[in-house]
Amino acid sequence: MSTAPKAEVVRAYEDAGRSGTERRVLVDRLWPRGVRKETLDLDDWAKDVAPSTELRRWYSHVPERFAEFARRYRDELAQEPAATACRALQQQARGHRLVLLTATRDLEHSGATVLRRVLEEPGR
């Protein structure tokens, strides 16, 4: 039986807000443009688990680069400070549904989706 949290990726601009006891975390390095801080319902802003500025700029949300982006991002998540931040995020989410908030339009090709998969891997 896995103890990894079940995570859901939600676009910050389309977020309906809290629906229970979930743990809600913004996982972007930059605050979502046009969103007031007091209006986004979140528990934490985990900048350290976001892709590096260099990787984010290289990727530039070009879907053809997603596989390589995901590989490089996983490598970043295995390094400090991201590795510690991932473990902390997993610990904070134990027993709760985890909502990963992101500003990205294309959720399927987003860093938040890669992070969700990493967090849900057995043995992490």
PDB file of N, CA and C in Angstrom:
ATOM      1  N   MET A   1       0.832  -1.184   0.000  1.00  0.00           N
ATOM      2  CA  MET A   1       0.000   0.000   0.000  1.00  0.00           C
ATOM      3  C   MET A   1       0.880   1.251   0.000  1.00  0.00           C
ATOM      4  N   SER A   2       0.661   2.120  -0.958  1.00  0.00           N
ATOM      5  CA  SER A   2       1.465   3.329  -1.080  1.00  0.00           C
ATOM      6  C   SER A   2       0.971   4.391  -0.111  1.00  0.00           C
ATOM      7  N   THR A   3       1.938   5.107   0.458  1.00  0.00           N
ATOM      8  CA  THR A   3       1.562   6.216   1.330  1.00  0.00           C
ATOM      9  C   THR A   3       1.776   7.548   0.639  1.00  0.00           C
ATOM     10  N   ALA A   4       2.104   7.498  -0.654  1.00  0.00           N
ATOM     11  CA  ALA A   4       2.295   8.735  -1.407  1.00  0.00           C
ATOM     12  C   ALA A   4       0.960   9.462  -1.533  1.00  0.00           C
ATOM     13  N   PRO A   5       1.003  10.790  -1.458  1.00  0.00           N
ATOM     14  CA  PRO A   5      -0.237  11.551  -1.548  1.00  0.00           C
ATOM     15  C   PRO A   5      -0.843  11.470  -2.939  1.00  0.00           C
ATOM     16  N   LYS A   6      -2.149  11.521  -2.995  1.00  0.00           N
ATOM     17  CA  LYS A   6      -2.851  11.632  -4.264  1.00  0.00           C
ATOM     18  C   LYS A   6      -2.911  13.104  -4.591  1.00  0.00           C
ATOM     19  N   ALA A   7      -2.423  13.461  -5.752  1.00  0.00           N
ATOM     20  CA  ALA A   7      -2.326  14.873  -6.110  1.00  0.00           C
ATOM     21  C   ALA A   7      -3.179  15.183  -7.329  1.00  0.00           C
ATOM     22  N   GLU A   8      -3.622  16.422  -7.382  1.00  0.00           N
ATOM     23  CA  GLU A   8      -4.399  16.933  -8.502  1.00  0.00           C
ATOM     24  C   GLU A   8      -3.767  18.255  -8.921  1.00  0.00           C
ATOM     25  N   VAL A   9      -3.626  18.453 -10.223  1.00  0.00           N
ATOM     26  CA  VAL A   9      -3.095  19.708 -10.743  1.00  0.00           C
ATOM     27  C   VAL A   9      -4.274  20.592 -11.141  1.00  0.00           C
ATOM     28  N   VAL A  10      -4.280  21.825 -10.638  1.00  0.00           N
ATOM     29  CA  VAL A  10      -5.376  22.756 -10.904  1.00  0.00           C
ATOM     30  C   VAL A  10      -4.776  24.081 -11.356  1.00  0.00           C
ATOM     31  N   ARG A  11      -5.360  24.639 -12.385  1.00  0.00           N
ATOM     32  CA  ARG A  11      -4.913  25.950 -12.870  1.00  0.00           C
ATOM     33  C   ARG A  11      -5.379  27.026 -11.887  1.00  0.00           C
ATOM     34  N   ALA A  12      -4.461  27.860 -11.430  1.00  0.00           N
ATOM     35  CA  ALA A  12      -4.765  28.881 -10.416  1.00  0.00           C
ATOM     36  C   ALA A  12      -5.890  29.806 -10.858  1.00  0.00           C
ATOM     37  N   TYR A  13      -5.969  30.091 -12.147  1.00  0.00           N
ATOM     38  CA  TYR A  13      -6.987  31.007 -12.659  1.00  0.00           C
ATOM     39  C   TYR A  13      -8.379  30.375 -12.703  1.00  0.00           C
ATOM     40  N   GLU A  14      -8.441  29.051 -12.620  1.00  0.00           N
ATOM     41  CA  GLU A  14      -9.716  28.334 -12.688  1.00  0.00           C
ATOM     42  C   GLU A  14     -10.055  27.643 -11.376  1.00  0.00           C
ATOM     43  N   ASP A  15      -9.307  27.940 -10.346  1.00  0.00           N
ATOM     44  CA  ASP A  15      -9.468  27.283  -9.054  1.00  0.00           C
ATOM     45  C   ASP A  15     -10.775  27.697  -8.380  1.00  0.00           C
ATOM     46  N   ALA A  16     -11.546  26.704  -7.974  1.00  0.00           N
ATOM     47  CA  ALA A  16     -12.814  26.958  -7.294  1.00  0.00           C
ATOM     48  C   ALA A  16     -12.633  27.134  -5.780  1.00  0.00           C
ATOM     49  N   GLY A  17     -11.433  26.914  -5.285  1.00  0.00           N
ATOM     50  CA  GLY A  17     -11.183  27.044  -3.853  1.00  0.00           C
ATOM     51  C   GLY A  17     -11.264  25.720  -3.127  1.00  0.00           C
ATOM     52  N   ARG A  18     -11.079  25.785  -1.862  1.00  0.00           N
ATOM     53  CA  ARG A  18     -11.016  24.602  -0.996  1.00  0.00           C
ATOM     54  C   ARG A  18     -12.337  23.843  -0.993  1.00  0.00           C
ATOM     55  N   SER A  19     -12.213  22.509  -1.056  1.00  0.00           N
ATOM     56  CA  SER A  19     -13.415  21.676  -1.032  1.00  0.00           C
ATOM     57  C   SER A  19     -13.370  20.639   0.079  1.00  0.00           C
ATOM     58  N   GLY A  20     -12.461  20.791   0.990  1.00  0.00           N
ATOM     59  CA  GLY A  20     -12.353  19.827   2.087  1.00  0.00           C
ATOM     60  C   GLY A  20     -11.070  20.057   2.857  1.00  0.00           C
ATOM     61  N   THR A  21     -10.412  18.963   3.195  1.00  0.00           N
ATOM     62  CA  THR A  21      -9.194  19.052   3.999  1.00  0.00           C
ATOM     63  C   THR A  21      -7.939  18.925   3.150  1.00  0.00           C
ATOM     64  N   GLU A  22      -8.049  19.229   1.869  1.00  0.00           N
ATOM     65  CA  GLU A  22      -6.880  19.085   1.007  1.00  0.00           C
ATOM     66  C   GLU A  22      -5.777  20.060   1.391  1.00  0.00           C
ATOM     67  N   ARG A  23      -4.576  19.708   0.995  1.00  0.00           N
ATOM     68  CA  ARG A  23      -3.397  20.568   1.154  1.00  0.00           C
ATOM     69  C   ARG A  23      -3.201  21.266  -0.180  1.00  0.00           C
ATOM     70  N   ARG A  24      -3.201  22.602  -0.192  1.00  0.00           N
ATOM     71  CA  ARG A  24      -3.180  23.391  -1.424  1.00  0.00           C
ATOM     72  C   ARG A  24      -1.871  24.165  -1.523  1.00  0.00           C
ATOM     73  N   VAL A  25      -1.104  23.910  -2.608  1.00  0.00           N
ATOM     74  CA  VAL A  25       0.235  24.464  -2.727  1.00  0.00           C
ATOM     75  C   VAL A  25       0.454  25.033  -4.129  1.00  0.00           C
ATOM     76  N   LEU A  26       0.909  26.278  -4.186  1.00  0.00           N
ATOM     77  CA  LEU A  26       1.322  26.872  -5.451  1.00  0.00           C
ATOM     78  C   LEU A  26       2.707  26.338  -5.768  1.00  0.00           C
ATOM     79  N   VAL A  27       2.891  25.752  -6.956  1.00  0.00           N
ATOM     80  CA  VAL A  27       4.157  25.099  -7.298  1.00  0.00           C
ATOM     81  C   VAL A  27       4.874  25.795  -8.455  1.00  0.00           C
ATOM     82  N   ASP A  28       4.605  27.066  -8.661  1.00  0.00           N
ATOM     83  CA  ASP A  28       5.295  27.877  -9.665  1.00  0.00           C
ATOM     84  C   ASP A  28       6.324  28.753  -8.973  1.00  0.00           C
ATOM     85  N   ARG A  29       7.389  29.063  -9.668  1.00  0.00           N
ATOM     86  CA  ARG A  29       8.413  29.951  -9.118  1.00  0.00           C
ATOM     87  C   ARG A  29       7.918  31.397  -9.100  1.00  0.00           C
ATOM     88  N   LEU A  30       7.051  31.750 -10.059  1.00  0.00           N
ATOM     89  CA  LEU A  30       6.509  33.105 -10.156  1.00  0.00           C
ATOM     90  C   LEU A  30       5.044  33.107  -9.736  1.00  0.00           C
ATOM     91  N   TRP A  31       4.623  34.189  -9.100  1.00  0.00           N
ATOM     92  CA  TRP A  31       3.219  34.322  -8.716  1.00  0.00           C
ATOM     93  C   TRP A  31       2.372  34.478  -9.984  1.00  0.00           C
ATOM     94  N   PRO A  32       1.185  33.853 -10.038  1.00  0.00           N
ATOM     95  CA  PRO A  32       0.332  33.966 -11.229  1.00  0.00           C
ATOM     96  C   PRO A  32      -0.040  35.425 -11.520  1.00  0.00           C
ATOM     97  N   ARG A  33       0.245  35.848 -12.720  1.00  0.00           N
ATOM     98  CA  ARG A  33      -0.012  37.237 -13.127  1.00  0.00           C
ATOM     99  C   ARG A  33      -1.493  37.576 -13.004  1.00  0.00           C
ATOM    100  N   GLY A  34      -1.774  38.704 -12.360  1.00  0.00           N
ATOM    101  CA  GLY A  34      -3.142  39.192 -12.245  1.00  0.00           C
ATOM    102  C   GLY A  34      -3.950  38.587 -11.110  1.00  0.00           C
ATOM    103  N   VAL A  35      -3.360  37.683 -10.338  1.00  0.00           N
ATOM    104  CA  VAL A  35      -4.063  37.054  -9.215  1.00  0.00           C
ATOM    105  C   VAL A  35      -3.612  37.730  -7.925  1.00  0.00           C
ATOM    106  N   ARG A  36      -4.568  38.250  -7.180  1.00  0.00           N
ATOM    107  CA  ARG A  36      -4.230  38.887  -5.902  1.00  0.00           C
ATOM    108  C   ARG A  36      -3.910  37.809  -4.867  1.00  0.00           C
ATOM    109  N   LYS A  37      -2.889  38.048  -4.090  1.00  0.00           N
ATOM    110  CA  LYS A  37      -2.442  37.049  -3.114  1.00  0.00           C
ATOM    111  C   LYS A  37      -3.533  36.660  -2.132  1.00  0.00           C
ATOM    112  N   GLU A  38      -4.378  37.602  -1.740  1.00  0.00           N
ATOM    113  CA  GLU A  38      -5.421  37.281  -0.766  1.00  0.00           C
ATOM    114  C   GLU A  38      -6.588  36.504  -1.375  1.00  0.00           C
ATOM    115  N   THR A  39      -6.636  36.388  -2.706  1.00  0.00           N
ATOM    116  CA  THR A  39      -7.761  35.671  -3.319  1.00  0.00           C
ATOM    117  C   THR A  39      -7.446  34.213  -3.636  1.00  0.00           C
ATOM    118  N   LEU A  40      -6.176  33.827  -3.671  1.00  0.00           N
ATOM    119  CA  LEU A  40      -5.818  32.451  -3.976  1.00  0.00           C
ATOM    120  C   LEU A  40      -5.789  31.646  -2.676  1.00  0.00           C
ATOM    121  N   ASP A  41      -6.643  30.636  -2.588  1.00  0.00           N
ATOM    122  CA  ASP A  41      -6.778  29.809  -1.387  1.00  0.00           C
ATOM    123  C   ASP A  41      -5.668  28.757  -1.387  1.00  0.00           C
ATOM    124  N   LEU A  42      -4.593  29.025  -0.621  1.00  0.00           N
ATOM    125  CA  LEU A  42      -3.494  28.063  -0.586  1.00  0.00           C
ATOM    126  C   LEU A  42      -2.890  27.981   0.803  1.00  0.00           C
ATOM    127  N   ASP A  43      -2.203  26.867   1.031  1.00  0.00           N
ATOM    128  CA  ASP A  43      -1.532  26.632   2.308  1.00  0.00           C
ATOM    129  C   ASP A  43      -0.052  26.982   2.254  1.00  0.00           C
ATOM    130  N   ASP A  44       0.518  26.911   1.047  1.00  0.00           N
ATOM    131  CA  ASP A  44       1.956  27.123   0.931  1.00  0.00           C
ATOM    132  C   ASP A  44       2.291  27.530  -0.503  1.00  0.00           C
ATOM    133  N   TRP A  45       3.428  28.171  -0.657  1.00  0.00           N
ATOM    134  CA  TRP A  45       3.974  28.500  -1.963  1.00  0.00           C
ATOM    135  C   TRP A  45       5.336  27.823  -2.013  1.00  0.00           C
ATOM    136  N   ALA A  46       5.424  26.705  -2.718  1.00  0.00           N
ATOM    137  CA  ALA A  46       6.621  25.870  -2.737  1.00  0.00           C
ATOM    138  C   ALA A  46       7.496  26.209  -3.938  1.00  0.00           C
ATOM    139  N   LYS A  47       8.166  27.343  -3.885  1.00  0.00           N
ATOM    140  CA  LYS A  47       9.018  27.789  -4.989  1.00  0.00           C
ATOM    141  C   LYS A  47      10.158  26.811  -5.263  1.00  0.00           C
ATOM    142  N   ASP A  48      10.660  26.155  -4.218  1.00  0.00           N
ATOM    143  CA  ASP A  48      11.815  25.277  -4.382  1.00  0.00           C
ATOM    144  C   ASP A  48      11.529  24.016  -5.198  1.00  0.00           C
ATOM    145  N   VAL A  49      10.256  23.658  -5.379  1.00  0.00           N
ATOM    146  CA  VAL A  49       9.944  22.490  -6.212  1.00  0.00           C
ATOM    147  C   VAL A  49       9.634  22.886  -7.648  1.00  0.00           C
ATOM    148  N   ALA A  50       9.630  24.163  -7.940  1.00  0.00           N
ATOM    149  CA  ALA A  50       9.360  24.631  -9.302  1.00  0.00           C
ATOM    150  C   ALA A  50      10.603  24.436 -10.174  1.00  0.00           C
ATOM    151  N   PRO A  51      10.397  24.278 -11.477  1.00  0.00           N
ATOM    152  CA  PRO A  51      11.563  24.191 -12.375  1.00  0.00           C
ATOM    153  C   PRO A  51      12.419  25.453 -12.257  1.00  0.00           C
ATOM    154  N   SER A  52      13.709  25.303 -12.434  1.00  0.00           N
ATOM    155  CA  SER A  52      14.606  26.451 -12.378  1.00  0.00           C
ATOM    156  C   SER A  52      14.236  27.461 -13.468  1.00  0.00           C
ATOM    157  N   THR A  53      14.631  28.683 -13.261  1.00  0.00           N
ATOM    158  CA  THR A  53      14.380  29.730 -14.250  1.00  0.00           C
ATOM    159  C   THR A  53      15.008  29.356 -15.586  1.00  0.00           C
ATOM    160  N   GLU A  54      16.213  28.817 -15.564  1.00  0.00           N
ATOM    161  CA  GLU A  54      16.887  28.426 -16.797  1.00  0.00           C
ATOM    162  C   GLU A  54      16.109  27.349 -17.538  1.00  0.00           C
ATOM    163  N   LEU A  55      15.647  26.330 -16.810  1.00  0.00           N
ATOM    164  CA  LEU A  55      14.897  25.244 -17.443  1.00  0.00           C
ATOM    165  C   LEU A  55      13.553  25.749 -17.957  1.00  0.00           C
ATOM    166  N   ARG A  56      12.896  26.566 -17.179  1.00  0.00           N
ATOM    167  CA  ARG A  56      11.595  27.115 -17.594  1.00  0.00           C
ATOM    168  C   ARG A  56      11.747  27.937 -18.869  1.00  0.00           C
ATOM    169  N   ARG A  57      12.787  28.754 -18.934  1.00  0.00           N
ATOM    170  CA  ARG A  57      13.013  29.576 -20.133  1.00  0.00           C
ATOM    171  C   ARG A  57      13.366  28.702 -21.340  1.00  0.00           C
ATOM    172  N   TRP A  58      14.190  27.676 -21.141  1.00  0.00           N
ATOM    173  CA  TRP A  58      14.542  26.776 -22.242  1.00  0.00           C
ATOM    174  C   TRP A  58      13.294  26.086 -22.778  1.00  0.00           C
ATOM    175  N   TYR A  59      12.475  25.562 -21.884  1.00  0.00           N
ATOM    176  CA  TYR A  59      11.268  24.824 -22.281  1.00  0.00           C
ATOM    177  C   TYR A  59      10.278  25.740 -22.995  1.00  0.00           C
ATOM    178  N   SER A  60      10.014  26.879 -22.462  1.00  0.00           N
ATOM    179  CA  SER A  60       9.123  27.883 -23.050  1.00  0.00           C
ATOM    180  C   SER A  60       7.777  27.292 -23.471  1.00  0.00           C
ATOM    181  N   HIS A  61       7.351  26.235 -22.813  1.00  0.00           N
ATOM    182  CA  HIS A  61       6.066  25.569 -23.053  1.00  0.00           C
ATOM    183  C   HIS A  61       5.888  25.135 -24.503  1.00  0.00           C
ATOM    184  N   VAL A  62       6.995  24.692 -25.107  1.00  0.00           N
ATOM    185  CA  VAL A  62       6.950  24.119 -26.455  1.00  0.00           C
ATOM    186  C   VAL A  62       6.680  22.624 -26.275  1.00  0.00           C
ATOM    187  N   PRO A  63       5.484  22.140 -26.666  1.00  0.00           N
ATOM    188  CA  PRO A  63       5.125  20.744 -26.405  1.00  0.00           C
ATOM    189  C   PRO A  63       6.131  19.722 -26.934  1.00  0.00           C
ATOM    190  N   GLU A  64       6.802  20.019 -28.024  1.00  0.00           N
ATOM    191  CA  GLU A  64       7.791  19.084 -28.574  1.00  0.00           C
ATOM    192  C   GLU A  64       8.999  18.906 -27.650  1.00  0.00           C
ATOM    193  N   ARG A  65       9.209  19.823 -26.745  1.00  0.00           N
ATOM    194  CA  ARG A  65      10.321  19.734 -25.791  1.00  0.00           C
ATOM    195  C   ARG A  65       9.905  19.100 -24.467  1.00  0.00           C
ATOM    196  N   PHE A  66       8.648  18.716 -24.338  1.00  0.00           N
ATOM    197  CA  PHE A  66       8.152  18.280 -23.031  1.00  0.00           C
ATOM    198  C   PHE A  66       8.890  17.064 -22.479  1.00  0.00           C
ATOM    199  N   ALA A  67       9.137  16.065 -23.299  1.00  0.00           N
ATOM    200  CA  ALA A  67       9.812  14.857 -22.796  1.00  0.00           C
ATOM    201  C   ALA A  67      11.188  15.207 -22.220  1.00  0.00           C
ATOM    202  N   GLU A  68      11.938  16.027 -22.926  1.00  0.00           N
ATOM    203  CA  GLU A  68      13.259  16.435 -22.430  1.00  0.00           C
ATOM    204  C   GLU A  68      13.127  17.347 -21.213  1.00  0.00           C
ATOM    205  N   PHE A  69      12.130  18.232 -21.235  1.00  0.00           N
ATOM    206  CA  PHE A  69      11.860  19.080 -20.075  1.00  0.00           C
ATOM    207  C   PHE A  69      11.581  18.214 -18.851  1.00  0.00           C
ATOM    208  N   ALA A  70      10.711  17.222 -19.004  1.00  0.00           N
ATOM    209  CA  ALA A  70      10.350  16.348 -17.880  1.00  0.00           C
ATOM    210  C   ALA A  70      11.577  15.619 -17.342  1.00  0.00           C
ATOM    211  N   ARG A  71      12.445  15.140 -18.231  1.00  0.00           N
ATOM    212  CA  ARG A  71      13.664  14.452 -17.791  1.00  0.00           C
ATOM    213  C   ARG A  71      14.561  15.410 -16.997  1.00  0.00           C
ATOM    214  N   ARG A  72      14.777  16.602 -17.531  1.00  0.00           N
ATOM    215  CA  ARG A  72      15.632  17.580 -16.849  1.00  0.00           C
ATOM    216  C   ARG A  72      15.016  18.036 -15.523  1.00  0.00           C
ATOM    217  N   TYR A  73      13.713  18.204 -15.517  1.00  0.00           N
ATOM    218  CA  TYR A  73      13.036  18.643 -14.294  1.00  0.00           C
ATOM    219  C   TYR A  73      13.130  17.570 -13.216  1.00  0.00           C
ATOM    220  N   ARG A  74      12.954  16.305 -13.595  1.00  0.00           N
ATOM    221  CA  ARG A  74      13.123  15.216 -12.629  1.00  0.00           C
ATOM    222  C   ARG A  74      14.534  15.236 -12.038  1.00  0.00           C
ATOM    223  N   ASP A  75      15.530  15.514 -12.887  1.00  0.00           N
ATOM    224  CA  ASP A  75      16.909  15.624 -12.393  1.00  0.00           C
ATOM    225  C   ASP A  75      17.011  16.753 -11.366  1.00  0.00           C
ATOM    226  N   GLU A  76      16.376  17.898 -11.657  1.00  0.00           N
ATOM    227  CA  GLU A  76      16.391  19.016 -10.704  1.00  0.00           C
ATOM    228  C   GLU A  76      15.707  18.637  -9.397  1.00  0.00           C
ATOM    229  N   LEU A  77      14.603  17.897  -9.495  1.00  0.00           N
ATOM    230  CA  LEU A  77      13.871  17.511  -8.280  1.00  0.00           C
ATOM    231  C   LEU A  77      14.666  16.560  -7.393  1.00  0.00           C
ATOM    232  N   ALA A  78      15.652  15.884  -7.969  1.00  0.00           N
ATOM    233  CA  ALA A  78      16.496  14.974  -7.194  1.00  0.00           C
ATOM    234  C   ALA A  78      17.640  15.707  -6.496  1.00  0.00           C
ATOM    235  N   GLN A  79      17.866  16.974  -6.854  1.00  0.00           N
ATOM    236  CA  GLN A  79      18.946  17.784  -6.283  1.00  0.00           C
ATOM    237  C   GLN A  79      18.383  18.731  -5.225  1.00  0.00           C
ATOM    238  N   GLU A  80      19.258  19.208  -4.354  1.00  0.00           N
ATOM    239  CA  GLU A  80      18.861  20.190  -3.342  1.00  0.00           C
ATOM    240  C   GLU A  80      18.754  21.572  -3.965  1.00  0.00           C
ATOM    241  N   PRO A  81      17.869  22.415  -3.514  1.00  0.00           N
ATOM    242  CA  PRO A  81      16.944  22.266  -2.397  1.00  0.00           C
ATOM    243  C   PRO A  81      15.626  21.595  -2.765  1.00  0.00           C
ATOM    244  N   ALA A  82      15.442  21.242  -4.052  1.00  0.00           N
ATOM    245  CA  ALA A  82      14.167  20.674  -4.488  1.00  0.00           C
ATOM    246  C   ALA A  82      13.863  19.330  -3.824  1.00  0.00           C
ATOM    247  N   ALA A  83      14.870  18.487  -3.632  1.00  0.00           N
ATOM    248  CA  ALA A  83      14.636  17.167  -3.037  1.00  0.00           C
ATOM    249  C   ALA A  83      14.066  17.291  -1.627  1.00  0.00           C
ATOM    250  N   THR A  84      14.633  18.180  -0.828  1.00  0.00           N
ATOM    251  CA  THR A  84      14.120  18.400   0.521  1.00  0.00           C
ATOM    252  C   THR A  84      12.711  18.984   0.476  1.00  0.00           C
ATOM    253  N   ALA A  85      12.477  19.920  -0.435  1.00  0.00           N
ATOM    254  CA  ALA A  85      11.152  20.536  -0.564  1.00  0.00           C
ATOM    255  C   ALA A  85      10.109  19.504  -1.001  1.00  0.00           C
ATOM    256  N   CYS A  86      10.485  18.582  -1.874  1.00  0.00           N
ATOM    257  CA  CYS A  86       9.560  17.501  -2.289  1.00  0.00           C
ATOM    258  C   CYS A  86       9.195  16.610  -1.103  1.00  0.00           C
ATOM    259  N   ARG A  87      10.202  16.224  -0.341  1.00  0.00           N
ATOM    260  CA  ARG A  87       9.938  15.383   0.832  1.00  0.00           C
ATOM    261  C   ARG A  87       9.035  16.105   1.823  1.00  0.00           C
ATOM    262  N   ALA A  88       9.296  17.379   2.037  1.00  0.00           N
ATOM    263  CA  ALA A  88       8.460  18.161   2.961  1.00  0.00           C
ATOM    264  C   ALA A  88       7.029  18.248   2.444  1.00  0.00           C
ATOM    265  N   LEU A  89       6.876  18.439   1.162  1.00  0.00           N
ATOM    266  CA  LEU A  89       5.547  18.506   0.567  1.00  0.00           C
ATOM    267  C   LEU A  89       4.805  17.186   0.746  1.00  0.00           C
ATOM    268  N   GLN A  90       5.501  16.095   0.542  1.00  0.00           N
ATOM    269  CA  GLN A  90       4.886  14.785   0.756  1.00  0.00           C
ATOM    270  C   GLN A  90       4.479  14.594   2.211  1.00  0.00           C
ATOM    271  N   GLN A  91       5.320  14.972   3.142  1.00  0.00           N
ATOM    272  CA  GLN A  91       5.008  14.823   4.561  1.00  0.00           C
ATOM    273  C   GLN A  91       3.811  15.679   4.964  1.00  0.00           C
ATOM    274  N   GLN A  92       3.754  16.907   4.476  1.00  0.00           N
ATOM    275  CA  GLN A  92       2.655  17.801   4.812  1.00  0.00           C
ATOM    276  C   GLN A  92       1.333  17.296   4.241  1.00  0.00           C
ATOM    277  N   ALA A  93       1.394  16.548   3.162  1.00  0.00           N
ATOM    278  CA  ALA A  93       0.185  16.108   2.479  1.00  0.00           C
ATOM    279  C   ALA A  93      -0.313  14.743   2.948  1.00  0.00           C
ATOM    280  N   ARG A  94       0.410  14.079   3.811  1.00  0.00           N
ATOM    281  CA  ARG A  94      -0.024  12.752   4.276  1.00  0.00           C
ATOM    282  C   ARG A  94      -1.439  12.834   4.840  1.00  0.00           C
ATOM    283  N   GLY A  95      -2.296  11.983   4.341  1.00  0.00           N
ATOM    284  CA  GLY A  95      -3.664  11.935   4.838  1.00  0.00           C
ATOM    285  C   GLY A  95      -4.584  12.965   4.219  1.00  0.00           C
ATOM    286  N   HIS A  96      -4.078  13.737   3.283  1.00  0.00           N
ATOM    287  CA  HIS A  96      -4.881  14.764   2.625  1.00  0.00           C
ATOM    288  C   HIS A  96      -4.741  14.622   1.110  1.00  0.00           C
ATOM    289  N   ARG A  97      -5.721  15.079   0.410  1.00  0.00           N
ATOM    290  CA  ARG A  97      -5.588  15.220  -1.041  1.00  0.00           C
ATOM    291  C   ARG A  97      -4.697  16.431  -1.256  1.00  0.00           C
ATOM    292  N   LEU A  98      -3.819  16.354  -2.224  1.00  0.00           N
ATOM    293  CA  LEU A  98      -2.871  17.425  -2.507  1.00  0.00           C
ATOM    294  C   LEU A  98      -3.301  18.138  -3.784  1.00  0.00           C
ATOM    295  N   VAL A  99      -3.482  19.451  -3.707  1.00  0.00           N
ATOM    296  CA  VAL A  99      -3.836  20.268  -4.868  1.00  0.00           C
ATOM    297  C   VAL A  99      -2.618  21.097  -5.226  1.00  0.00           C
ATOM    298  N   LEU A 100      -2.073  20.836  -6.430  1.00  0.00           N
ATOM    299  CA  LEU A 100      -0.927  21.576  -6.932  1.00  0.00           C
ATOM    300  C   LEU A 100      -1.452  22.677  -7.840  1.00  0.00           C
ATOM    301  N   LEU A 101      -1.297  23.909  -7.411  1.00  0.00           N
ATOM    302  CA  LEU A 101      -1.788  25.058  -8.166  1.00  0.00           C
ATOM    303  C   LEU A 101      -0.686  25.593  -9.073  1.00  0.00           C
ATOM    304  N   THR A 102      -1.059  25.907 -10.309  1.00  0.00           N
ATOM    305  CA  THR A 102      -0.114  26.437 -11.290  1.00  0.00           C
ATOM    306  C   THR A 102      -0.821  27.428 -12.202  1.00  0.00           C
ATOM    307  N   ALA A 103      -0.053  28.338 -12.773  1.00  0.00           N
ATOM    308  CA  ALA A 103      -0.618  29.302 -13.712  1.00  0.00           C
ATOM    309  C   ALA A 103      -0.592  28.784 -15.147  1.00  0.00           C
ATOM    310  N   THR A 104       0.084  27.704 -15.375  1.00  0.00           N
ATOM    311  CA  THR A 104       0.269  27.173 -16.726  1.00  0.00           C
ATOM    312  C   THR A 104      -1.061  26.864 -17.404  1.00  0.00           C
ATOM    313  N   ARG A 105      -1.165  27.245 -18.673  1.00  0.00           N
ATOM    314  CA  ARG A 105      -2.387  26.961 -19.450  1.00  0.00           C
ATOM    315  C   ARG A 105      -2.487  25.495 -19.819  1.00  0.00           C
ATOM    316  N   ASP A 106      -1.385  24.925 -20.299  1.00  0.00           N
ATOM    317  CA  ASP A 106      -1.370  23.546 -20.792  1.00  0.00           C
ATOM    318  C   ASP A 106      -0.964  22.612 -19.651  1.00  0.00           C
ATOM    319  N   LEU A 107      -1.945  22.166 -18.895  1.00  0.00           N
ATOM    320  CA  LEU A 107      -1.643  21.338 -17.723  1.00  0.00           C
ATOM    321  C   LEU A 107      -0.982  20.018 -18.099  1.00  0.00           C
ATOM    322  N   GLU A 108      -1.349  19.466 -19.234  1.00  0.00           N
ATOM    323  CA  GLU A 108      -0.792  18.184 -19.664  1.00  0.00           C
ATOM    324  C   GLU A 108       0.719  18.260 -19.871  1.00  0.00           C
ATOM    325  N   HIS A 109       1.211  19.410 -20.300  1.00  0.00           N
ATOM    326  CA  HIS A 109       2.630  19.600 -20.572  1.00  0.00           C
ATOM    327  C   HIS A 109       3.259  20.575 -19.575  1.00  0.00           C
ATOM    328  N   SER A 110       2.903  20.441 -18.316  1.00  0.00           N
ATOM    329  CA  SER A 110       3.371  21.397 -17.306  1.00  0.00           C
ATOM    330  C   SER A 110       4.323  20.755 -16.303  1.00  0.00           C
ATOM    331  N   GLY A 111       5.099  21.610 -15.676  1.00  0.00           N
ATOM    332  CA  GLY A 111       5.951  21.147 -14.598  1.00  0.00           C
ATOM    333  C   GLY A 111       5.145  20.586 -13.442  1.00  0.00           C
ATOM    334  N   ALA A 112       3.969  21.149 -13.187  1.00  0.00           N
ATOM    335  CA  ALA A 112       3.119  20.657 -12.098  1.00  0.00           C
ATOM    336  C   ALA A 112       2.705  19.209 -12.334  1.00  0.00           C
ATOM    337  N   THR A 113       2.477  18.844 -13.592  1.00  0.00           N
ATOM    338  CA  THR A 113       2.105  17.462 -13.913  1.00  0.00           C
ATOM    339  C   THR A 113       3.291  16.528 -13.686  1.00  0.00           C
ATOM    340  N   VAL A 114       4.485  16.967 -14.052  1.00  0.00           N
ATOM    341  CA  VAL A 114       5.682  16.167 -13.789  1.00  0.00           C
ATOM    342  C   VAL A 114       5.859  16.003 -12.279  1.00  0.00           C
ATOM    343  N   LEU A 115       5.705  17.092 -11.543  1.00  0.00           N
ATOM    344  CA  LEU A 115       5.831  17.040 -10.086  1.00  0.00           C
ATOM    345  C   LEU A 115       4.797  16.094  -9.484  1.00  0.00           C
ATOM    346  N   ARG A 116       3.553  16.149  -9.944  1.00  0.00           N
ATOM    347  CA  ARG A 116       2.520  15.246  -9.440  1.00  0.00           C
ATOM    348  C   ARG A 116       2.947  13.804  -9.626  1.00  0.00           C
ATOM    349  N   ARG A 117       3.450  13.469 -10.795  1.00  0.00           N
ATOM    350  CA  ARG A 117       3.886  12.084 -11.064  1.00  0.00           C
ATOM    351  C   ARG A 117       5.029  11.679 -10.139  1.00  0.00           C
ATOM    352  N   VAL A 118       5.956  12.583  -9.919  1.00  0.00           N
ATOM    353  CA  VAL A 118       7.095  12.294  -9.029  1.00  0.00           C
ATOM    354  C   VAL A 118       6.586  12.066  -7.609  1.00  0.00           C
ATOM    355  N   LEU A 119       5.705  12.919  -7.126  1.00  0.00           N
ATOM    356  CA  LEU A 119       5.186  12.800  -5.761  1.00  0.00           C
ATOM    357  C   LEU A 119       4.402  11.512  -5.558  1.00  0.00           C
ATOM    358  N   GLU A 120       3.751  11.035  -6.610  1.00  0.00           N
ATOM    359  CA  GLU A 120       2.907   9.847  -6.496  1.00  0.00           C
ATOM    360  C   GLU A 120       3.661   8.545  -6.734  1.00  0.00           C
ATOM    361  N   GLU A 121       4.945   8.615  -7.083  1.00  0.00           N
ATOM    362  CA  GLU A 121       5.720   7.412  -7.330  1.00  0.00           C
ATOM    363  C   GLU A 121       5.849   6.620  -6.034  1.00  0.00           C
ATOM    364  N   PRO A 122       5.675   5.305  -6.115  1.00  0.00           N
ATOM    365  CA  PRO A 122       5.844   4.470  -4.922  1.00  0.00           C
ATOM    366  C   PRO A 122       7.284   4.558  -4.407  1.00  0.00           C
ATOM    367  N   GLY A 123       7.410   4.583  -3.109  1.00  0.00           N
ATOM    368  CA  GLY A 123       8.724   4.604  -2.484  1.00  0.00           C
ATOM    369  C   GLY A 123       9.376   5.958  -2.391  1.00  0.00           C
ATOM    370  N   ARG A 124       8.681   7.005  -2.782  1.00  0.00           N
ATOM    371  CA  ARG A 124       9.249   8.358  -2.672  1.00  0.00           C
ATOM    372  C   ARG A 124       8.917   8.925  -1.332  1.00  0.00           C
TER     373      ARG A 124
END
